[in-house]
Amino acid sequence: MKKLDTLLAEKLMQINAIKLQPDSPFSWATGWQSPIYSDLRMTLSYPEVRNLIKVEMARLIMENFGETEVVAGIATGAIAHGALVADSLAMPFVYVRSTPKDHGLENLIEGDIKPGQKVVLIEDQLSTGNNCMKCLNTVREAGGIVLGALVIFDYQFSSAAKALKRAKLPVVTLTNFDTMLDVAINDNRITEADADTLQQWHSDPENWTPAGFDSVD
């Protein structure tokens, strides 16, 4: 039987929720050039994958954060997944914005968290960790006790891991960059040269430049 991280990585690439294009990089919102792009919202259109994520996240919450009282999805990518997990566990659900909405009550938290309640964050992907950190602080400022975070796909950037460790936020992930890369090689989705390109990018994503691209000072 395949391990969860391997099985999920396979399924995410099969449905194009993770795309690899070493020869035609994507532009991230951060401004980085990247040979990989993930859109985990795509999983919502595939009941088998959607259900796998829901069931495994619910299981991992019970195994790792058994005192959880509230499930909090991080906007926007993890709202739907968080709601599905909360429903399966019959728990209250909220979602957390990284910035206030620009009208009405200007809420950062949509839903009700009472001071002292124990909360688990749900995130679709962990890259820089900035969004997760903002939402962690928002829940803490509202009086919630954050037990940890569950992430569908972890890019495994050392800077994010260090920041979350300093913030004393335990993180449990379903799958990650290393597993995805192994699966992509084994399934002949990429060549060894492509794998080297992805590893080079991963070691310094902020400053990575695609081959053949001449930067201008």
N, C-alpha and C. Protein backbone atom coordinates (compact mmCIF):
# COMPACT_ATOMS: atom_id res chain seq x y z
N MET A 1 0.84 -1.20 0.00
CA MET A 1 0.00 0.00 0.00
C MET A 1 0.88 1.25 0.00
N LYS A 2 0.53 2.21 -0.85
CA LYS A 2 1.32 3.43 -0.95
C LYS A 2 1.09 4.32 0.27
N LYS A 3 2.15 5.02 0.66
CA LYS A 3 2.03 5.98 1.74
C LYS A 3 1.19 7.16 1.27
N LEU A 4 0.55 7.84 2.24
CA LEU A 4 -0.33 8.96 1.91
C LEU A 4 0.37 10.02 1.09
N ASP A 5 1.60 10.40 1.48
CA ASP A 5 2.27 11.49 0.77
C ASP A 5 2.53 11.14 -0.69
N THR A 6 2.89 9.88 -0.95
CA THR A 6 3.13 9.45 -2.33
C THR A 6 1.83 9.37 -3.12
N LEU A 7 0.81 8.77 -2.53
CA LEU A 7 -0.49 8.64 -3.20
C LEU A 7 -1.07 10.00 -3.56
N LEU A 8 -1.02 10.92 -2.62
CA LEU A 8 -1.61 12.23 -2.87
C LEU A 8 -0.80 13.01 -3.91
N ALA A 9 0.53 12.92 -3.84
CA ALA A 9 1.35 13.61 -4.84
C ALA A 9 1.01 13.11 -6.25
N GLU A 10 0.82 11.81 -6.39
CA GLU A 10 0.43 11.25 -7.69
C GLU A 10 -0.88 11.85 -8.16
N LYS A 11 -1.86 11.88 -7.27
CA LYS A 11 -3.19 12.35 -7.65
C LYS A 11 -3.18 13.85 -7.97
N LEU A 12 -2.41 14.63 -7.23
CA LEU A 12 -2.35 16.07 -7.48
C LEU A 12 -1.78 16.37 -8.85
N MET A 13 -0.78 15.58 -9.27
CA MET A 13 -0.21 15.80 -10.61
C MET A 13 -1.13 15.26 -11.69
N GLN A 14 -1.83 14.19 -11.41
CA GLN A 14 -2.76 13.62 -12.40
C GLN A 14 -3.86 14.60 -12.77
N ILE A 15 -4.33 15.38 -11.80
CA ILE A 15 -5.42 16.32 -12.06
C ILE A 15 -4.92 17.73 -12.34
N ASN A 16 -3.61 17.89 -12.48
CA ASN A 16 -2.98 19.19 -12.76
C ASN A 16 -3.16 20.21 -11.64
N ALA A 17 -3.34 19.72 -10.42
CA ALA A 17 -3.33 20.63 -9.28
C ALA A 17 -1.89 21.05 -8.98
N ILE A 18 -0.93 20.26 -9.43
CA ILE A 18 0.48 20.63 -9.42
C ILE A 18 0.99 20.48 -10.84
N LYS A 19 1.57 21.54 -11.37
CA LYS A 19 2.11 21.52 -12.73
C LYS A 19 3.62 21.79 -12.68
N LEU A 20 4.36 21.04 -13.49
CA LEU A 20 5.81 21.21 -13.58
C LEU A 20 6.16 21.64 -15.00
N GLN A 21 6.81 22.81 -15.12
CA GLN A 21 7.22 23.33 -16.41
C GLN A 21 8.62 23.93 -16.31
N PRO A 22 9.64 23.10 -16.20
CA PRO A 22 11.00 23.63 -16.08
C PRO A 22 11.42 24.49 -17.28
N ASP A 23 10.89 24.19 -18.47
CA ASP A 23 11.28 24.93 -19.66
C ASP A 23 10.42 26.17 -19.91
N SER A 24 9.35 26.30 -19.16
CA SER A 24 8.45 27.45 -19.33
C SER A 24 7.92 27.87 -17.96
N PRO A 25 8.76 28.53 -17.17
CA PRO A 25 8.43 28.83 -15.77
C PRO A 25 7.21 29.72 -15.60
N PHE A 26 6.60 29.58 -14.44
CA PHE A 26 5.47 30.39 -14.03
C PHE A 26 5.96 31.62 -13.27
N SER A 27 5.14 32.64 -13.20
CA SER A 27 5.42 33.80 -12.35
C SER A 27 4.50 33.73 -11.14
N TRP A 28 5.09 33.71 -9.96
CA TRP A 28 4.31 33.70 -8.73
C TRP A 28 3.91 35.12 -8.34
N ALA A 29 2.94 35.22 -7.45
CA ALA A 29 2.50 36.53 -6.95
C ALA A 29 3.63 37.25 -6.22
N THR A 30 4.59 36.49 -5.71
CA THR A 30 5.75 37.08 -5.03
C THR A 30 6.70 37.76 -6.00
N GLY A 31 6.51 37.50 -7.31
CA GLY A 31 7.45 38.00 -8.30
C GLY A 31 8.50 36.97 -8.69
N TRP A 32 8.53 35.84 -7.95
CA TRP A 32 9.49 34.78 -8.27
C TRP A 32 9.13 34.11 -9.58
N GLN A 33 10.17 33.66 -10.30
CA GLN A 33 9.99 32.74 -11.41
C GLN A 33 10.07 31.32 -10.85
N SER A 34 9.20 30.44 -11.32
CA SER A 34 9.15 29.11 -10.73
C SER A 34 8.83 28.05 -11.78
N PRO A 35 9.54 26.90 -11.73
CA PRO A 35 9.23 25.80 -12.64
C PRO A 35 8.07 24.94 -12.16
N ILE A 36 7.46 25.32 -11.05
CA ILE A 36 6.34 24.56 -10.49
C ILE A 36 5.23 25.52 -10.09
N TYR A 37 4.00 25.07 -10.29
CA TYR A 37 2.85 25.88 -9.87
C TYR A 37 1.80 24.93 -9.29
N SER A 38 1.24 25.32 -8.16
CA SER A 38 0.20 24.49 -7.55
C SER A 38 -1.08 25.28 -7.37
N ASP A 39 -2.18 24.65 -7.73
CA ASP A 39 -3.52 25.22 -7.53
C ASP A 39 -4.36 24.13 -6.88
N LEU A 40 -4.38 24.12 -5.55
CA LEU A 40 -5.05 23.05 -4.82
C LEU A 40 -6.57 23.19 -4.84
N ARG A 41 -7.09 24.32 -5.32
CA ARG A 41 -8.54 24.43 -5.50
C ARG A 41 -9.04 23.42 -6.52
N MET A 42 -8.14 23.03 -7.43
CA MET A 42 -8.50 22.06 -8.46
C MET A 42 -9.02 20.76 -7.84
N THR A 43 -8.55 20.42 -6.66
CA THR A 43 -8.97 19.16 -6.02
C THR A 43 -10.47 19.14 -5.73
N LEU A 44 -11.08 20.30 -5.59
CA LEU A 44 -12.50 20.36 -5.27
C LEU A 44 -13.36 19.81 -6.40
N SER A 45 -12.83 19.80 -7.61
CA SER A 45 -13.58 19.30 -8.77
C SER A 45 -13.48 17.80 -8.94
N TYR A 46 -12.68 17.14 -8.10
CA TYR A 46 -12.46 15.71 -8.20
C TYR A 46 -12.84 15.04 -6.88
N PRO A 47 -14.05 14.48 -6.81
CA PRO A 47 -14.57 13.93 -5.55
C PRO A 47 -13.63 12.95 -4.86
N GLU A 48 -12.96 12.09 -5.63
CA GLU A 48 -12.07 11.10 -5.02
C GLU A 48 -10.92 11.78 -4.29
N VAL A 49 -10.31 12.77 -4.92
CA VAL A 49 -9.18 13.48 -4.32
C VAL A 49 -9.66 14.36 -3.17
N ARG A 50 -10.77 15.05 -3.41
CA ARG A 50 -11.35 15.91 -2.38
C ARG A 50 -11.67 15.12 -1.12
N ASN A 51 -12.24 13.93 -1.30
CA ASN A 51 -12.61 13.11 -0.15
C ASN A 51 -11.38 12.56 0.55
N LEU A 52 -10.36 12.19 -0.22
CA LEU A 52 -9.11 11.71 0.39
C LEU A 52 -8.52 12.76 1.30
N ILE A 53 -8.47 14.00 0.82
CA ILE A 53 -7.91 15.09 1.62
C ILE A 53 -8.75 15.32 2.87
N LYS A 54 -10.06 15.33 2.71
CA LYS A 54 -10.95 15.56 3.86
C LYS A 54 -10.78 14.48 4.92
N VAL A 55 -10.82 13.23 4.50
CA VAL A 55 -10.73 12.11 5.45
C VAL A 55 -9.38 12.10 6.16
N GLU A 56 -8.30 12.31 5.41
CA GLU A 56 -6.97 12.25 6.01
C GLU A 56 -6.72 13.45 6.93
N MET A 57 -7.22 14.61 6.57
CA MET A 57 -7.06 15.76 7.45
C MET A 57 -7.83 15.57 8.76
N ALA A 58 -9.03 15.04 8.65
CA ALA A 58 -9.82 14.77 9.86
C ALA A 58 -9.10 13.77 10.75
N ARG A 59 -8.54 12.72 10.13
CA ARG A 59 -7.80 11.72 10.90
C ARG A 59 -6.59 12.34 11.58
N LEU A 60 -5.85 13.16 10.85
CA LEU A 60 -4.63 13.75 11.40
C LEU A 60 -4.93 14.75 12.51
N ILE A 61 -6.05 15.43 12.42
CA ILE A 61 -6.45 16.32 13.51
C ILE A 61 -6.68 15.51 14.78
N MET A 62 -7.41 14.42 14.66
CA MET A 62 -7.70 13.60 15.83
C MET A 62 -6.43 12.97 16.40
N GLU A 63 -5.49 12.60 15.52
CA GLU A 63 -4.26 11.95 15.98
C GLU A 63 -3.26 12.94 16.60
N ASN A 64 -3.22 14.15 16.04
CA ASN A 64 -2.18 15.11 16.46
C ASN A 64 -2.71 16.26 17.31
N PHE A 65 -3.97 16.60 17.12
CA PHE A 65 -4.54 17.75 17.83
C PHE A 65 -5.91 17.38 18.37
N GLY A 66 -5.95 16.37 19.20
CA GLY A 66 -7.20 15.79 19.65
C GLY A 66 -8.08 16.71 20.48
N GLU A 67 -7.52 17.82 20.98
CA GLU A 67 -8.31 18.74 21.80
C GLU A 67 -8.97 19.85 20.96
N THR A 68 -8.87 19.75 19.66
CA THR A 68 -9.40 20.78 18.77
C THR A 68 -10.89 21.04 19.02
N GLU A 69 -11.24 22.32 19.05
CA GLU A 69 -12.64 22.73 19.21
C GLU A 69 -13.16 23.49 18.00
N VAL A 70 -12.26 24.11 17.25
CA VAL A 70 -12.65 24.92 16.09
C VAL A 70 -11.67 24.65 14.95
N VAL A 71 -12.20 24.49 13.74
CA VAL A 71 -11.37 24.36 12.54
C VAL A 71 -11.39 25.69 11.81
N ALA A 72 -10.20 26.20 11.47
CA ALA A 72 -10.09 27.51 10.82
C ALA A 72 -9.40 27.36 9.48
N GLY A 73 -10.12 27.63 8.40
CA GLY A 73 -9.53 27.61 7.07
C GLY A 73 -8.85 28.94 6.78
N ILE A 74 -7.70 28.88 6.15
CA ILE A 74 -6.97 30.10 5.79
C ILE A 74 -7.41 30.53 4.40
N ALA A 75 -7.91 31.75 4.29
CA ALA A 75 -8.42 32.27 3.01
C ALA A 75 -7.26 32.52 2.04
N THR A 76 -7.54 32.34 0.73
CA THR A 76 -8.83 31.86 0.26
C THR A 76 -8.80 30.37 -0.10
N GLY A 77 -7.58 29.90 -0.35
CA GLY A 77 -7.44 28.56 -0.91
C GLY A 77 -7.92 27.43 -0.04
N ALA A 78 -7.91 27.61 1.28
CA ALA A 78 -8.25 26.51 2.18
C ALA A 78 -9.64 26.64 2.81
N ILE A 79 -10.42 27.60 2.36
CA ILE A 79 -11.75 27.78 2.95
C ILE A 79 -12.61 26.52 2.74
N ALA A 80 -12.69 26.06 1.51
CA ALA A 80 -13.56 24.92 1.22
C ALA A 80 -13.07 23.66 1.92
N HIS A 81 -11.77 23.42 1.87
CA HIS A 81 -11.23 22.22 2.52
C HIS A 81 -11.47 22.26 4.03
N GLY A 82 -11.27 23.43 4.61
CA GLY A 82 -11.50 23.57 6.04
C GLY A 82 -12.94 23.30 6.42
N ALA A 83 -13.86 23.80 5.61
CA ALA A 83 -15.28 23.59 5.88
C ALA A 83 -15.65 22.11 5.78
N LEU A 84 -15.09 21.43 4.79
CA LEU A 84 -15.36 20.00 4.64
C LEU A 84 -14.85 19.21 5.85
N VAL A 85 -13.65 19.55 6.30
CA VAL A 85 -13.06 18.86 7.46
C VAL A 85 -13.87 19.13 8.72
N ALA A 86 -14.24 20.40 8.93
CA ALA A 86 -15.04 20.75 10.11
C ALA A 86 -16.37 20.01 10.10
N ASP A 87 -16.98 19.90 8.93
CA ASP A 87 -18.27 19.21 8.84
C ASP A 87 -18.11 17.72 9.16
N SER A 88 -17.04 17.11 8.68
CA SER A 88 -16.84 15.69 8.94
C SER A 88 -16.58 15.42 10.41
N LEU A 89 -16.02 16.41 11.12
CA LEU A 89 -15.75 16.26 12.55
C LEU A 89 -16.85 16.86 13.43
N ALA A 90 -17.89 17.41 12.78
CA ALA A 90 -18.99 18.06 13.50
C ALA A 90 -18.46 19.15 14.44
N MET A 91 -17.54 19.97 13.91
CA MET A 91 -16.95 21.06 14.70
C MET A 91 -17.29 22.41 14.08
N PRO A 92 -17.26 23.47 14.88
CA PRO A 92 -17.44 24.82 14.34
C PRO A 92 -16.35 25.14 13.33
N PHE A 93 -16.70 25.98 12.36
CA PHE A 93 -15.76 26.39 11.32
C PHE A 93 -15.71 27.91 11.21
N VAL A 94 -14.50 28.44 11.01
CA VAL A 94 -14.32 29.84 10.67
C VAL A 94 -13.29 29.89 9.55
N TYR A 95 -13.22 31.06 8.89
CA TYR A 95 -12.06 31.24 8.02
C TYR A 95 -11.40 32.57 8.33
N VAL A 96 -10.11 32.60 8.04
CA VAL A 96 -9.27 33.72 8.46
C VAL A 96 -8.65 34.39 7.24
N ARG A 97 -8.81 35.70 7.17
CA ARG A 97 -8.23 36.48 6.08
C ARG A 97 -6.83 36.96 6.46
N SER A 98 -5.97 37.16 5.47
CA SER A 98 -4.65 37.74 5.74
C SER A 98 -4.73 39.25 5.87
N THR A 99 -5.75 39.85 5.23
CA THR A 99 -6.00 41.29 5.34
C THR A 99 -7.50 41.50 5.53
N PRO A 100 -7.91 42.57 6.20
CA PRO A 100 -9.34 42.80 6.43
C PRO A 100 -10.08 43.03 5.11
N LYS A 101 -11.34 42.61 5.06
CA LYS A 101 -12.13 42.96 3.88
C LYS A 101 -12.36 44.47 3.90
N ASP A 102 -12.58 45.04 2.73
CA ASP A 102 -12.59 46.50 2.61
C ASP A 102 -13.97 47.11 2.75
N HIS A 103 -14.92 46.39 3.37
CA HIS A 103 -16.25 46.95 3.57
C HIS A 103 -16.90 46.28 4.78
N GLY A 104 -18.06 46.78 5.16
CA GLY A 104 -18.80 46.18 6.27
C GLY A 104 -18.03 46.25 7.57
N LEU A 105 -17.90 45.12 8.26
CA LEU A 105 -17.24 45.08 9.56
C LEU A 105 -15.72 44.97 9.47
N GLU A 106 -15.22 44.85 8.23
CA GLU A 106 -13.77 44.73 8.00
C GLU A 106 -13.17 43.59 8.82
N ASN A 107 -13.87 42.47 8.84
CA ASN A 107 -13.42 41.33 9.64
C ASN A 107 -12.16 40.68 9.09
N LEU A 108 -11.34 40.20 10.00
CA LEU A 108 -10.24 39.30 9.64
C LEU A 108 -10.67 37.85 9.83
N ILE A 109 -11.54 37.61 10.79
CA ILE A 109 -12.07 36.28 11.03
C ILE A 109 -13.56 36.27 10.70
N GLU A 110 -13.94 35.37 9.80
CA GLU A 110 -15.35 35.21 9.45
C GLU A 110 -15.88 33.99 10.20
N GLY A 111 -16.79 34.24 11.13
CA GLY A 111 -17.26 33.19 12.01
C GLY A 111 -16.94 33.57 13.45
N ASP A 112 -17.15 32.65 14.36
CA ASP A 112 -17.05 32.97 15.79
C ASP A 112 -16.01 32.11 16.49
N ILE A 113 -14.96 32.77 16.99
CA ILE A 113 -13.99 32.12 17.86
C ILE A 113 -14.10 32.76 19.23
N LYS A 114 -14.34 31.95 20.23
CA LYS A 114 -14.43 32.47 21.60
C LYS A 114 -13.07 32.38 22.27
N PRO A 115 -12.71 33.37 23.09
CA PRO A 115 -11.43 33.33 23.80
C PRO A 115 -11.25 32.01 24.55
N GLY A 116 -10.08 31.42 24.37
CA GLY A 116 -9.76 30.17 25.04
C GLY A 116 -10.06 28.93 24.24
N GLN A 117 -10.78 29.07 23.11
CA GLN A 117 -11.06 27.90 22.29
C GLN A 117 -9.80 27.42 21.57
N LYS A 118 -9.71 26.11 21.41
CA LYS A 118 -8.54 25.50 20.79
C LYS A 118 -8.80 25.30 19.30
N VAL A 119 -7.89 25.82 18.50
CA VAL A 119 -8.10 25.96 17.06
C VAL A 119 -7.00 25.23 16.27
N VAL A 120 -7.40 24.61 15.17
CA VAL A 120 -6.45 24.08 14.19
C VAL A 120 -6.63 24.84 12.88
N LEU A 121 -5.51 25.28 12.31
CA LEU A 121 -5.53 25.97 11.03
C LEU A 121 -5.45 24.96 9.89
N ILE A 122 -6.17 25.23 8.81
CA ILE A 122 -6.10 24.42 7.60
C ILE A 122 -5.57 25.31 6.48
N GLU A 123 -4.47 24.88 5.85
CA GLU A 123 -3.86 25.64 4.75
C GLU A 123 -3.71 24.72 3.55
N ASP A 124 -3.94 25.26 2.35
CA ASP A 124 -3.81 24.41 1.17
C ASP A 124 -2.35 24.18 0.80
N GLN A 125 -1.53 25.23 0.82
CA GLN A 125 -0.13 25.07 0.49
C GLN A 125 0.72 25.98 1.35
N LEU A 126 1.91 25.50 1.68
CA LEU A 126 2.84 26.26 2.51
C LEU A 126 4.07 26.58 1.67
N SER A 127 4.25 27.86 1.36
CA SER A 127 5.43 28.26 0.60
C SER A 127 6.29 29.18 1.46
N THR A 128 6.06 30.49 1.39
CA THR A 128 6.84 31.41 2.22
C THR A 128 6.46 31.32 3.69
N GLY A 129 5.22 30.90 3.95
CA GLY A 129 4.73 30.83 5.32
C GLY A 129 4.12 32.13 5.82
N ASN A 130 4.21 33.19 5.01
CA ASN A 130 3.73 34.52 5.45
C ASN A 130 2.24 34.51 5.75
N ASN A 131 1.46 33.91 4.87
CA ASN A 131 0.01 33.89 5.07
C ASN A 131 -0.36 33.12 6.33
N CYS A 132 0.30 32.00 6.53
CA CYS A 132 0.04 31.17 7.71
C CYS A 132 0.39 31.93 8.99
N MET A 133 1.49 32.66 8.97
CA MET A 133 1.92 33.43 10.13
C MET A 133 0.92 34.53 10.46
N LYS A 134 0.44 35.23 9.43
CA LYS A 134 -0.54 36.29 9.64
C LYS A 134 -1.81 35.74 10.29
N CYS A 135 -2.28 34.61 9.78
CA CYS A 135 -3.51 34.03 10.30
C CYS A 135 -3.31 33.46 11.70
N LEU A 136 -2.14 32.91 11.97
CA LEU A 136 -1.81 32.45 13.31
C LEU A 136 -1.92 33.60 14.30
N ASN A 137 -1.32 34.73 13.97
CA ASN A 137 -1.34 35.89 14.86
C ASN A 137 -2.75 36.44 15.03
N THR A 138 -3.54 36.40 13.94
CA THR A 138 -4.92 36.90 14.01
C THR A 138 -5.75 36.07 14.99
N VAL A 139 -5.63 34.76 14.91
CA VAL A 139 -6.40 33.89 15.81
C VAL A 139 -5.94 34.07 17.25
N ARG A 140 -4.65 34.19 17.45
CA ARG A 140 -4.13 34.41 18.80
C ARG A 140 -4.60 35.73 19.37
N GLU A 141 -4.63 36.76 18.54
CA GLU A 141 -5.10 38.07 19.01
C GLU A 141 -6.58 38.04 19.36
N ALA A 142 -7.33 37.14 18.72
CA ALA A 142 -8.75 37.00 19.02
C ALA A 142 -9.00 36.15 20.26
N GLY A 143 -7.92 35.64 20.84
CA GLY A 143 -8.05 34.84 22.05
C GLY A 143 -8.05 33.34 21.84
N GLY A 144 -7.95 32.91 20.57
CA GLY A 144 -7.92 31.48 20.27
C GLY A 144 -6.56 30.88 20.61
N ILE A 145 -6.57 29.62 20.97
CA ILE A 145 -5.33 28.88 21.25
C ILE A 145 -5.07 27.97 20.04
N VAL A 146 -4.05 28.31 19.27
CA VAL A 146 -3.77 27.56 18.05
C VAL A 146 -2.92 26.33 18.38
N LEU A 147 -3.50 25.16 18.17
CA LEU A 147 -2.80 23.91 18.48
C LEU A 147 -1.80 23.54 17.40
N GLY A 148 -2.10 23.90 16.16
CA GLY A 148 -1.22 23.54 15.05
C GLY A 148 -1.89 23.83 13.73
N ALA A 149 -1.23 23.41 12.66
CA ALA A 149 -1.74 23.63 11.31
C ALA A 149 -1.62 22.36 10.49
N LEU A 150 -2.61 22.12 9.61
CA LEU A 150 -2.55 21.04 8.64
C LEU A 150 -2.43 21.65 7.26
N VAL A 151 -1.51 21.12 6.45
CA VAL A 151 -1.23 21.66 5.13
C VAL A 151 -1.32 20.53 4.10
N ILE A 152 -1.97 20.81 2.98
CA ILE A 152 -2.07 19.79 1.93
C ILE A 152 -0.72 19.59 1.25
N PHE A 153 -0.09 20.68 0.79
CA PHE A 153 1.19 20.58 0.07
C PHE A 153 2.19 21.56 0.65
N ASP A 154 3.34 21.03 1.05
CA ASP A 154 4.40 21.83 1.66
C ASP A 154 5.57 21.94 0.70
N TYR A 155 5.94 23.18 0.33
CA TYR A 155 7.09 23.39 -0.54
C TYR A 155 8.41 23.12 0.18
N GLN A 156 8.38 23.01 1.48
CA GLN A 156 9.55 22.67 2.29
C GLN A 156 10.68 23.70 2.18
N PHE A 157 10.29 24.97 2.14
CA PHE A 157 11.31 26.01 2.19
C PHE A 157 11.80 26.15 3.63
N SER A 158 13.11 26.17 3.80
CA SER A 158 13.68 26.20 5.15
C SER A 158 13.30 27.48 5.89
N SER A 159 13.16 28.59 5.16
CA SER A 159 12.82 29.86 5.80
C SER A 159 11.43 29.80 6.45
N ALA A 160 10.49 29.15 5.77
CA ALA A 160 9.14 29.02 6.31
C ALA A 160 9.15 28.10 7.53
N ALA A 161 9.87 26.99 7.42
CA ALA A 161 9.94 26.05 8.54
C ALA A 161 10.54 26.71 9.78
N LYS A 162 11.58 27.52 9.59
CA LYS A 162 12.22 28.20 10.73
C LYS A 162 11.27 29.21 11.36
N ALA A 163 10.55 29.96 10.51
CA ALA A 163 9.63 30.98 11.03
C ALA A 163 8.51 30.35 11.84
N LEU A 164 7.95 29.26 11.36
CA LEU A 164 6.86 28.60 12.06
C LEU A 164 7.34 27.92 13.34
N LYS A 165 8.58 27.45 13.31
CA LYS A 165 9.15 26.86 14.52
C LYS A 165 9.35 27.93 15.58
N ARG A 166 9.82 29.10 15.16
CA ARG A 166 9.98 30.22 16.12
C ARG A 166 8.64 30.63 16.70
N ALA A 167 7.59 30.53 15.88
CA ALA A 167 6.25 30.90 16.33
C ALA A 167 5.59 29.80 17.15
N LYS A 168 6.31 28.68 17.32
CA LYS A 168 5.81 27.53 18.09
C LYS A 168 4.49 27.01 17.52
N LEU A 169 4.49 26.87 16.19
CA LEU A 169 3.32 26.33 15.50
C LEU A 169 3.66 24.96 14.90
N PRO A 170 3.18 23.88 15.49
CA PRO A 170 3.38 22.55 14.90
C PRO A 170 2.64 22.46 13.56
N VAL A 171 3.30 21.88 12.56
CA VAL A 171 2.70 21.76 11.24
C VAL A 171 2.73 20.29 10.80
N VAL A 172 1.58 19.79 10.35
CA VAL A 172 1.47 18.43 9.81
C VAL A 172 1.08 18.57 8.34
N THR A 173 1.82 17.89 7.46
CA THR A 173 1.56 18.03 6.03
C THR A 173 1.13 16.69 5.43
N LEU A 174 0.29 16.78 4.39
CA LEU A 174 -0.16 15.56 3.71
C LEU A 174 0.86 15.10 2.68
N THR A 175 1.44 16.04 1.94
CA THR A 175 2.50 15.70 1.00
C THR A 175 3.40 16.92 0.84
N ASN A 176 4.50 16.75 0.07
CA ASN A 176 5.51 17.82 0.06
C ASN A 176 6.33 17.78 -1.23
N PHE A 177 7.21 18.76 -1.33
CA PHE A 177 8.02 18.94 -2.54
C PHE A 177 8.89 17.72 -2.84
N ASP A 178 9.60 17.22 -1.84
CA ASP A 178 10.50 16.08 -2.06
C ASP A 178 9.75 14.87 -2.57
N THR A 179 8.61 14.57 -1.97
CA THR A 179 7.81 13.43 -2.41
C THR A 179 7.30 13.64 -3.83
N MET A 180 6.82 14.84 -4.11
CA MET A 180 6.33 15.16 -5.44
C MET A 180 7.43 14.96 -6.48
N LEU A 181 8.65 15.40 -6.16
CA LEU A 181 9.75 15.27 -7.11
C LEU A 181 10.08 13.79 -7.36
N ASP A 182 10.10 12.98 -6.32
CA ASP A 182 10.34 11.54 -6.47
C ASP A 182 9.28 10.90 -7.36
N VAL A 183 8.02 11.26 -7.12
CA VAL A 183 6.92 10.69 -7.91
C VAL A 183 7.05 11.11 -9.37
N ALA A 184 7.37 12.38 -9.60
CA ALA A 184 7.48 12.89 -10.97
C ALA A 184 8.58 12.17 -11.75
N ILE A 185 9.69 11.88 -11.08
CA ILE A 185 10.80 11.15 -11.72
C ILE A 185 10.39 9.71 -11.99
N ASN A 186 9.82 9.06 -10.99
CA ASN A 186 9.44 7.64 -11.13
C ASN A 186 8.35 7.43 -12.18
N ASP A 187 7.48 8.42 -12.34
CA ASP A 187 6.41 8.31 -13.32
C ASP A 187 6.80 8.87 -14.69
N ASN A 188 8.07 9.23 -14.84
CA ASN A 188 8.60 9.78 -16.10
C ASN A 188 7.88 11.05 -16.55
N ARG A 189 7.45 11.82 -15.58
CA ARG A 189 6.84 13.11 -15.88
C ARG A 189 7.91 14.15 -16.21
N ILE A 190 9.10 13.97 -15.65
CA ILE A 190 10.21 14.88 -15.89
C ILE A 190 11.49 14.06 -16.08
N THR A 191 12.48 14.69 -16.69
CA THR A 191 13.78 14.06 -16.86
C THR A 191 14.66 14.35 -15.65
N GLU A 192 15.80 13.68 -15.58
CA GLU A 192 16.75 13.95 -14.51
C GLU A 192 17.24 15.40 -14.59
N ALA A 193 17.39 15.92 -15.80
CA ALA A 193 17.80 17.31 -15.96
C ALA A 193 16.74 18.27 -15.41
N ASP A 194 15.48 17.93 -15.68
CA ASP A 194 14.39 18.74 -15.14
C ASP A 194 14.41 18.69 -13.61
N ALA A 195 14.67 17.51 -13.06
CA ALA A 195 14.72 17.37 -11.61
C ALA A 195 15.83 18.24 -11.02
N ASP A 196 16.97 18.30 -11.71
CA ASP A 196 18.07 19.16 -11.26
C ASP A 196 17.64 20.62 -11.27
N THR A 197 16.91 21.01 -12.32
CA THR A 197 16.41 22.39 -12.40
C THR A 197 15.48 22.71 -11.23
N LEU A 198 14.60 21.79 -10.93
CA LEU A 198 13.67 21.98 -9.81
C LEU A 198 14.40 22.07 -8.48
N GLN A 199 15.43 21.27 -8.31
CA GLN A 199 16.21 21.31 -7.08
C GLN A 199 16.98 22.62 -6.96
N GLN A 200 17.54 23.09 -8.07
CA GLN A 200 18.25 24.37 -8.06
C GLN A 200 17.31 25.51 -7.68
N TRP A 201 16.12 25.48 -8.27
CA TRP A 201 15.12 26.49 -7.91
C TRP A 201 14.78 26.40 -6.43
N HIS A 202 14.56 25.20 -5.95
CA HIS A 202 14.13 25.00 -4.57
C HIS A 202 15.17 25.49 -3.57
N SER A 203 16.44 25.42 -3.93
CA SER A 203 17.50 25.84 -3.01
C SER A 203 17.56 27.35 -2.84
N ASP A 204 17.05 28.10 -3.85
CA ASP A 204 17.06 29.57 -3.76
C ASP A 204 15.98 30.14 -4.67
N PRO A 205 14.71 29.91 -4.32
CA PRO A 205 13.61 30.29 -5.22
C PRO A 205 13.51 31.79 -5.49
N GLU A 206 13.90 32.58 -4.53
CA GLU A 206 13.77 34.03 -4.69
C GLU A 206 14.71 34.57 -5.76
N ASN A 207 15.86 33.95 -5.91
CA ASN A 207 16.88 34.47 -6.84
C ASN A 207 17.10 33.58 -8.06
N TRP A 208 16.30 32.52 -8.18
CA TRP A 208 16.49 31.61 -9.30
C TRP A 208 16.15 32.28 -10.63
N THR A 209 16.98 32.02 -11.63
CA THR A 209 16.75 32.55 -12.97
C THR A 209 16.68 31.39 -13.95
N PRO A 210 15.64 31.33 -14.77
CA PRO A 210 15.54 30.24 -15.75
C PRO A 210 16.72 30.24 -16.70
N ALA A 211 17.11 29.06 -17.15
CA ALA A 211 18.21 28.95 -18.11
C ALA A 211 17.89 29.71 -19.38
N GLY A 212 18.88 30.44 -19.88
CA GLY A 212 18.68 31.20 -21.11
C GLY A 212 18.08 32.56 -20.89
N PHE A 213 17.79 32.90 -19.62
CA PHE A 213 17.22 34.21 -19.32
C PHE A 213 18.32 35.12 -18.79
N ASP A 214 18.56 36.20 -19.48
CA ASP A 214 19.59 37.16 -19.06
C ASP A 214 18.95 38.28 -18.28
N SER A 215 19.26 38.36 -17.00
CA SER A 215 18.69 39.42 -16.18
C SER A 215 19.33 40.75 -16.52
N VAL A 216 18.56 41.81 -16.33
CA VAL A 216 19.04 43.15 -16.62
C VAL A 216 19.13 43.94 -15.33
N ASP A 217 20.28 44.51 -15.04
CA ASP A 217 20.47 45.30 -13.82
C ASP A 217 19.81 46.66 -13.96
